[in-house]
Amino acid sequence: MDVRASLSAHGRGRVGPGESASLGAKMYVSGERSIQVASERDVLTAKEVSEILRIHLGTFYRLVREGKFQGFRVGSEWRFRKDELERWMAEQTKRSRGPRGRPTKK
């Protein structure tokens, strides 16, 4: 399952009217400035990320402590940007491939 399909399976892939198709974010215009505001589909909880990656929640928090994922806190809860997760997954896929595009042996 690719990232977008997995995110859609978690209810994060739908884009409503007035939202950007790429991020699902709303644009607000104030004077001459426009501000892009993250919608609820752009931000994932730690549990959602661990489910997408199919890893234990504790393993995910270890990756966060090691600096593999950048997040932010809302009160006592951690949140993670969907686009950062997609970037990380793409990097991991590239890193696990050999020079000819074949998986490397471990």
N, C-alpha and C. Protein backbone atom coordinates (compact mmCIF):
# COMPACT_ATOMS: atom_id res chain seq x y z
N MET A 1 0.85 -1.17 0.00
CA MET A 1 0.00 0.00 0.00
C MET A 1 0.90 1.23 0.00
N ASP A 2 0.68 2.16 -0.91
CA ASP A 2 1.51 3.35 -0.93
C ASP A 2 1.04 4.34 0.13
N VAL A 3 1.81 5.42 0.30
CA VAL A 3 1.54 6.39 1.36
C VAL A 3 0.17 7.02 1.20
N ARG A 4 -0.15 7.48 0.00
CA ARG A 4 -1.43 8.16 -0.19
C ARG A 4 -2.60 7.22 0.03
N ALA A 5 -2.48 5.97 -0.41
CA ALA A 5 -3.55 5.00 -0.19
C ALA A 5 -3.69 4.71 1.30
N SER A 6 -2.56 4.61 1.99
CA SER A 6 -2.60 4.36 3.42
C SER A 6 -3.21 5.54 4.16
N LEU A 7 -2.84 6.74 3.76
CA LEU A 7 -3.41 7.93 4.40
C LEU A 7 -4.90 8.04 4.10
N SER A 8 -5.30 7.65 2.90
CA SER A 8 -6.72 7.67 2.56
C SER A 8 -7.48 6.65 3.41
N ALA A 9 -6.86 5.51 3.65
CA ALA A 9 -7.49 4.48 4.46
C ALA A 9 -7.71 4.97 5.89
N HIS A 10 -6.91 5.92 6.32
CA HIS A 10 -7.05 6.49 7.65
C HIS A 10 -7.92 7.74 7.64
N GLY A 11 -8.64 7.98 6.53
CA GLY A 11 -9.55 9.12 6.46
C GLY A 11 -8.85 10.44 6.26
N ARG A 12 -7.61 10.41 5.78
CA ARG A 12 -6.84 11.64 5.65
C ARG A 12 -6.65 12.04 4.18
N GLY A 13 -7.22 11.32 3.25
CA GLY A 13 -6.96 11.60 1.85
C GLY A 13 -8.03 12.41 1.15
N ARG A 14 -9.13 12.72 1.84
CA ARG A 14 -10.21 13.46 1.19
C ARG A 14 -9.91 14.95 1.16
N VAL A 15 -10.27 15.59 0.06
CA VAL A 15 -10.07 17.03 -0.07
C VAL A 15 -11.43 17.66 -0.33
N GLY A 16 -11.78 18.62 0.48
CA GLY A 16 -13.08 19.28 0.35
C GLY A 16 -13.00 20.55 -0.46
N PRO A 17 -14.15 21.19 -0.71
CA PRO A 17 -14.16 22.43 -1.47
C PRO A 17 -13.39 23.52 -0.74
N GLY A 18 -12.69 24.35 -1.51
CA GLY A 18 -11.92 25.44 -0.93
C GLY A 18 -10.59 24.99 -0.35
N GLU A 19 -10.21 23.73 -0.61
CA GLU A 19 -8.95 23.22 -0.08
C GLU A 19 -8.01 22.88 -1.22
N SER A 20 -6.74 22.93 -0.95
CA SER A 20 -5.73 22.58 -1.92
C SER A 20 -5.70 21.07 -2.10
N ALA A 21 -5.66 20.61 -3.34
CA ALA A 21 -5.63 19.16 -3.58
C ALA A 21 -4.32 18.54 -3.13
N SER A 22 -3.23 19.32 -3.11
CA SER A 22 -1.94 18.75 -2.75
C SER A 22 -1.81 18.52 -1.25
N LEU A 23 -2.29 19.44 -0.43
CA LEU A 23 -2.13 19.30 1.00
C LEU A 23 -3.44 19.26 1.76
N GLY A 24 -4.54 19.61 1.12
CA GLY A 24 -5.79 19.66 1.82
C GLY A 24 -5.86 20.86 2.76
N ALA A 25 -5.04 21.88 2.50
CA ALA A 25 -5.00 23.05 3.38
C ALA A 25 -5.84 24.17 2.81
N LYS A 26 -6.38 24.98 3.69
CA LYS A 26 -7.16 26.13 3.28
C LYS A 26 -6.26 27.34 3.16
N MET A 27 -6.58 28.20 2.22
CA MET A 27 -5.84 29.44 2.04
C MET A 27 -6.71 30.59 2.53
N TYR A 28 -6.17 31.41 3.39
CA TYR A 28 -6.85 32.60 3.86
C TYR A 28 -6.10 33.81 3.36
N VAL A 29 -6.82 34.78 2.83
CA VAL A 29 -6.20 35.99 2.30
C VAL A 29 -6.52 37.13 3.25
N SER A 30 -5.47 37.80 3.71
CA SER A 30 -5.61 38.93 4.61
C SER A 30 -4.82 40.08 4.03
N GLY A 31 -5.53 41.04 3.43
CA GLY A 31 -4.84 42.15 2.78
C GLY A 31 -4.07 41.62 1.58
N GLU A 32 -2.76 41.83 1.58
CA GLU A 32 -1.93 41.37 0.47
C GLU A 32 -1.25 40.04 0.78
N ARG A 33 -1.47 39.52 1.97
CA ARG A 33 -0.83 38.26 2.38
C ARG A 33 -1.82 37.12 2.36
N SER A 34 -1.37 35.96 1.93
CA SER A 34 -2.20 34.76 2.03
C SER A 34 -1.52 33.81 2.99
N ILE A 35 -2.31 33.16 3.80
CA ILE A 35 -1.79 32.26 4.81
C ILE A 35 -2.35 30.88 4.56
N GLN A 36 -1.48 29.90 4.49
CA GLN A 36 -1.92 28.52 4.32
C GLN A 36 -2.04 27.88 5.69
N VAL A 37 -3.23 27.42 6.01
CA VAL A 37 -3.51 26.82 7.32
C VAL A 37 -3.67 25.32 7.15
N ALA A 38 -3.00 24.56 7.98
CA ALA A 38 -3.09 23.10 7.90
C ALA A 38 -4.49 22.65 8.30
N SER A 39 -5.03 21.76 7.51
CA SER A 39 -6.32 21.18 7.87
C SER A 39 -6.06 19.96 8.73
N GLU A 40 -7.11 19.38 9.26
CA GLU A 40 -6.94 18.19 10.10
C GLU A 40 -6.34 17.03 9.31
N ARG A 41 -6.45 17.04 7.99
CA ARG A 41 -5.90 15.97 7.17
C ARG A 41 -4.40 16.11 6.96
N ASP A 42 -3.83 17.28 7.26
CA ASP A 42 -2.40 17.51 7.09
C ASP A 42 -1.59 17.10 8.31
N VAL A 43 -2.26 16.87 9.41
CA VAL A 43 -1.59 16.60 10.67
C VAL A 43 -2.07 15.24 11.21
N LEU A 44 -1.12 14.42 11.63
CA LEU A 44 -1.43 13.08 12.12
C LEU A 44 -1.00 12.94 13.57
N THR A 45 -1.68 12.10 14.32
CA THR A 45 -1.27 11.79 15.68
C THR A 45 -0.18 10.72 15.62
N ALA A 46 0.51 10.54 16.74
CA ALA A 46 1.55 9.51 16.81
C ALA A 46 0.94 8.12 16.55
N LYS A 47 -0.24 7.89 17.07
CA LYS A 47 -0.90 6.59 16.86
C LYS A 47 -1.20 6.38 15.38
N GLU A 48 -1.69 7.41 14.68
CA GLU A 48 -1.98 7.28 13.25
C GLU A 48 -0.72 6.99 12.46
N VAL A 49 0.37 7.69 12.79
CA VAL A 49 1.63 7.45 12.07
C VAL A 49 2.11 6.03 12.32
N SER A 50 2.05 5.57 13.57
CA SER A 50 2.52 4.21 13.86
C SER A 50 1.65 3.17 13.14
N GLU A 51 0.36 3.43 13.00
CA GLU A 51 -0.52 2.52 12.26
C GLU A 51 -0.18 2.51 10.78
N ILE A 52 0.09 3.68 10.21
CA ILE A 52 0.46 3.77 8.80
C ILE A 52 1.76 3.01 8.54
N LEU A 53 2.73 3.18 9.44
CA LEU A 53 4.02 2.51 9.29
C LEU A 53 3.98 1.05 9.73
N ARG A 54 2.88 0.67 10.39
CA ARG A 54 2.72 -0.69 10.93
C ARG A 54 3.83 -1.05 11.89
N ILE A 55 4.09 -0.11 12.82
CA ILE A 55 5.07 -0.35 13.87
C ILE A 55 4.40 -0.06 15.22
N HIS A 56 4.98 -0.57 16.28
CA HIS A 56 4.46 -0.33 17.62
C HIS A 56 4.61 1.15 17.96
N LEU A 57 3.67 1.68 18.72
CA LEU A 57 3.70 3.09 19.10
C LEU A 57 4.99 3.43 19.83
N GLY A 58 5.46 2.53 20.69
CA GLY A 58 6.72 2.76 21.40
C GLY A 58 7.91 2.87 20.45
N THR A 59 7.91 2.07 19.40
CA THR A 59 8.96 2.13 18.39
C THR A 59 8.93 3.49 17.69
N PHE A 60 7.73 3.97 17.39
CA PHE A 60 7.63 5.27 16.75
C PHE A 60 8.16 6.38 17.66
N TYR A 61 7.79 6.35 18.93
CA TYR A 61 8.30 7.36 19.86
C TYR A 61 9.83 7.29 19.98
N ARG A 62 10.40 6.10 19.89
CA ARG A 62 11.87 5.97 19.89
C ARG A 62 12.47 6.68 18.68
N LEU A 63 11.84 6.50 17.50
CA LEU A 63 12.31 7.18 16.29
C LEU A 63 12.23 8.69 16.45
N VAL A 64 11.19 9.17 17.13
CA VAL A 64 11.05 10.61 17.38
C VAL A 64 12.19 11.08 18.29
N ARG A 65 12.47 10.34 19.38
CA ARG A 65 13.55 10.71 20.28
C ARG A 65 14.90 10.73 19.58
N GLU A 66 15.09 9.82 18.60
CA GLU A 66 16.34 9.76 17.85
C GLU A 66 16.43 10.85 16.78
N GLY A 67 15.38 11.64 16.63
CA GLY A 67 15.40 12.74 15.67
C GLY A 67 15.02 12.33 14.25
N LYS A 68 14.49 11.13 14.06
CA LYS A 68 14.11 10.67 12.72
C LYS A 68 12.85 11.38 12.23
N PHE A 69 11.99 11.79 13.17
CA PHE A 69 10.75 12.49 12.84
C PHE A 69 10.69 13.79 13.61
N GLN A 70 10.24 14.83 12.97
CA GLN A 70 10.02 16.10 13.63
C GLN A 70 8.53 16.25 13.88
N GLY A 71 8.17 16.64 15.06
CA GLY A 71 6.78 16.83 15.41
C GLY A 71 6.61 18.06 16.26
N PHE A 72 5.40 18.28 16.71
CA PHE A 72 5.11 19.39 17.60
C PHE A 72 4.02 18.96 18.56
N ARG A 73 3.94 19.65 19.66
CA ARG A 73 2.98 19.28 20.68
C ARG A 73 1.78 20.23 20.64
N VAL A 74 0.63 19.65 20.84
CA VAL A 74 -0.61 20.39 21.05
C VAL A 74 -1.09 19.95 22.42
N GLY A 75 -0.86 20.81 23.41
CA GLY A 75 -1.12 20.40 24.78
C GLY A 75 -0.15 19.29 25.16
N SER A 76 -0.69 18.16 25.55
CA SER A 76 0.18 17.03 25.92
C SER A 76 0.32 16.01 24.79
N GLU A 77 -0.32 16.25 23.66
CA GLU A 77 -0.32 15.30 22.54
C GLU A 77 0.67 15.74 21.45
N TRP A 78 1.33 14.76 20.85
CA TRP A 78 2.24 15.02 19.73
C TRP A 78 1.47 14.97 18.42
N ARG A 79 1.87 15.80 17.47
CA ARG A 79 1.31 15.82 16.12
C ARG A 79 2.46 15.82 15.12
N PHE A 80 2.19 15.23 13.94
CA PHE A 80 3.21 15.10 12.91
C PHE A 80 2.61 15.46 11.56
N ARG A 81 3.38 16.16 10.75
CA ARG A 81 2.89 16.59 9.45
C ARG A 81 2.91 15.44 8.45
N LYS A 82 1.83 15.31 7.71
CA LYS A 82 1.69 14.24 6.73
C LYS A 82 2.78 14.34 5.66
N ASP A 83 3.08 15.56 5.20
CA ASP A 83 4.08 15.70 4.15
C ASP A 83 5.47 15.29 4.64
N GLU A 84 5.76 15.49 5.92
CA GLU A 84 7.04 15.04 6.49
C GLU A 84 7.10 13.51 6.53
N LEU A 85 5.99 12.87 6.86
CA LEU A 85 5.93 11.41 6.85
C LEU A 85 6.18 10.89 5.44
N GLU A 86 5.53 11.49 4.45
CA GLU A 86 5.72 11.06 3.05
C GLU A 86 7.17 11.25 2.63
N ARG A 87 7.79 12.36 3.02
CA ARG A 87 9.19 12.61 2.68
C ARG A 87 10.08 11.56 3.32
N TRP A 88 9.86 11.26 4.61
CA TRP A 88 10.66 10.27 5.31
C TRP A 88 10.54 8.90 4.66
N MET A 89 9.33 8.52 4.29
CA MET A 89 9.12 7.21 3.67
C MET A 89 9.82 7.15 2.31
N ALA A 90 9.79 8.24 1.55
CA ALA A 90 10.49 8.26 0.26
C ALA A 90 11.99 8.12 0.47
N GLU A 91 12.54 8.81 1.47
CA GLU A 91 13.97 8.70 1.77
C GLU A 91 14.35 7.29 2.17
N GLN A 92 13.53 6.66 2.99
CA GLN A 92 13.81 5.29 3.43
C GLN A 92 13.77 4.33 2.25
N THR A 93 12.85 4.56 1.33
CA THR A 93 12.76 3.70 0.15
C THR A 93 14.00 3.85 -0.71
N LYS A 94 14.46 5.08 -0.91
CA LYS A 94 15.67 5.31 -1.71
C LYS A 94 16.88 4.71 -1.03
N ARG A 95 16.97 4.85 0.28
CA ARG A 95 18.12 4.36 1.04
C ARG A 95 18.19 2.84 1.02
N SER A 96 17.04 2.16 0.96
CA SER A 96 17.04 0.70 1.01
C SER A 96 17.25 0.07 -0.36
N ARG A 97 17.37 0.88 -1.38
CA ARG A 97 17.60 0.37 -2.74
C ARG A 97 19.08 0.45 -3.08
N GLY A 98 19.56 -0.56 -3.80
CA GLY A 98 20.94 -0.57 -4.26
C GLY A 98 21.10 0.34 -5.47
N PRO A 99 22.31 0.39 -6.04
CA PRO A 99 22.58 1.28 -7.17
C PRO A 99 21.76 0.95 -8.42
N ARG A 100 21.27 -0.26 -8.55
CA ARG A 100 20.49 -0.63 -9.73
C ARG A 100 19.00 -0.69 -9.42
N GLY A 101 18.61 -0.13 -8.30
CA GLY A 101 17.19 -0.11 -7.95
C GLY A 101 16.69 -1.37 -7.29
N ARG A 102 17.61 -2.28 -6.98
CA ARG A 102 17.22 -3.52 -6.33
C ARG A 102 17.39 -3.37 -4.82
N PRO A 103 16.55 -4.06 -4.05
CA PRO A 103 16.73 -4.01 -2.59
C PRO A 103 18.11 -4.51 -2.19
N THR A 104 18.72 -3.84 -1.21
CA THR A 104 20.02 -4.27 -0.73
C THR A 104 19.88 -5.44 0.23
N LYS A 105 20.91 -6.28 0.30
CA LYS A 105 20.92 -7.41 1.23
C LYS A 105 21.37 -6.91 2.58
N LYS A 106 20.80 -7.49 3.62
CA LYS A 106 21.17 -7.08 4.98
C LYS A 106 21.95 -8.14 5.65
